[in-house]
Structure formats: C-alpha cells, structure tokens
Amino acid sequence: MVILITGTRKGIGKAIATYYLGLGYVVIGCSRKDAELLHPNYRHHSIDISDEKAVCSMIHATVNEFGKIDALINNAGIASMNHLLLTPGKTAQQIMGTNFLGTFFVMRETAKQMIRKKHGRIVNFTTVAVPLALKGEAIYAASKAAVESLTKIAARELSPHGITVNAIGPTPVETDLIRLIPKEKINELIETQAINRIGTTGDIINVIDFFLSEKSSFITGQVIYLGGIN
C-alpha cells in the first residue's frame, strides 16, 4: 500500500509515518523542512502544501515512481492562539493557507490519481476547537471548520469513484504544538472531555486504522472527535 502523509517532520505526522512504515507500507511524507525519518520505503518532499505547484509536483513524482496512491492522511497544520482583535492578517492568511488550502490542494491532486484506480481512502485532520468554539482560536477553528465542510462535500462527490473521505478531530496530544499553550488552558480543555486525559498518537492512529480499513467502505463524510467531545 502507498500512503501519503503530510506534516511528517515531527510530532503526530512522524508517529503516523513510523507506524505505517512498520506495517510494510510505502510512505510518502512532506513538510516545509527536511525530515530525519530514514527508511527504504520512505520518500520525503520538502514543500509548503499551500504552494499548489509544489503539491502537484509531489503527487506526480509519487505516481511516476509507485503508480498509485492508496491513502492520504492530511495531517499538516499550523495553529496560533490570538484574540480576534489581536490577530494579524498575515497570521490569518498563513493558517488558512496551510490548514484549508493546503488540505484542499493535496486532497484534490491525490483524488485525481485515486479515481484512476476506483479506490482510495482520505483522512483529514480537524480539531475539537471547532465544536468547543474555543476562545483565542477563532482563525484556527475557522480553518478546520472549513476542512470539515470540505470533507463532507468531497465525500459525496468522490463516493461514486470508490473513495471515502473522513476526518478526525484530536484533543490535545503531547507535541511541540501544545507545549507553547499555558498548562491551565490545556487542563481547562481536558475538563470539557468525557474522558479527562490528554490524547496519545495511539488514540489517533486507532481511528485512522478504522477509516483506512477495507471493512470501512460504507463509512464516509464522518468527523470523529476524540475524548468524548460532541
């Protein structure tokens, strides 16, 4: 199986890539900077996914080498905590560019290749900040809300071609991304969950496995939030 995972330089993306390499998959990864992940079945592209031409080149290179892309995990994303009135326009553009447009570009180009095989699995990343309407995360949550809408509509448009499109919304996971957030803010968020603990990469991979399974061919357009958020 050939699987494309965005944002694999570190954190959740690197953990997911390592897991699927361990299962014998061919993994295509990308990030703005070079990755330290070394494996004979791993290919890395140093690109910005908000760059449409760079995304197209990555997809073409992958198909030229392996002939197909079976699954896509749209993990790459950036966040910034700012009050609405204190959010610079440049920050808003960067967040929307990576989280929404980047997800769209990679999904669109990958789906074009999946259609040729009449089969594919796409998993996008959203966040519990959407249903919780968290203060200080207006632009970040808005970008992910757009991803959720994109996921649901794409699921309908791509289903005739044997492609499922779903999304996962993790709670806080111990990565570099949340180490910059005050601990009391993280604890406050965890208290809103039905299960009061921080998430793990294993929790995330479990849901991704479910979405990628051949037994999940009847499941599309769904968003699963972790931790008991609804």
Foldseek 3Di string as FASTA:
>chain_A
DEEEEEPCQDDLNVVLQVVVVVVVYQYEYEECDDHPDDDPSYHYDNDQLLPLVSLLVSLVVVCVVPVAHAEYEYDDFAFFFAAPVPDDPVNLCSRLSRLASSLVSNVVNRLVRLLVVLAHEYEYEAALCQVVVDGRGVSNNVSRVNVLVVFQVVQVVSLVSHYAGEYEHEQAEPDPRCVVPDPVVSQVSLVVFPARDHDYSVVVVVVVCVRSDPVCSVDHSYYHYPRHRD
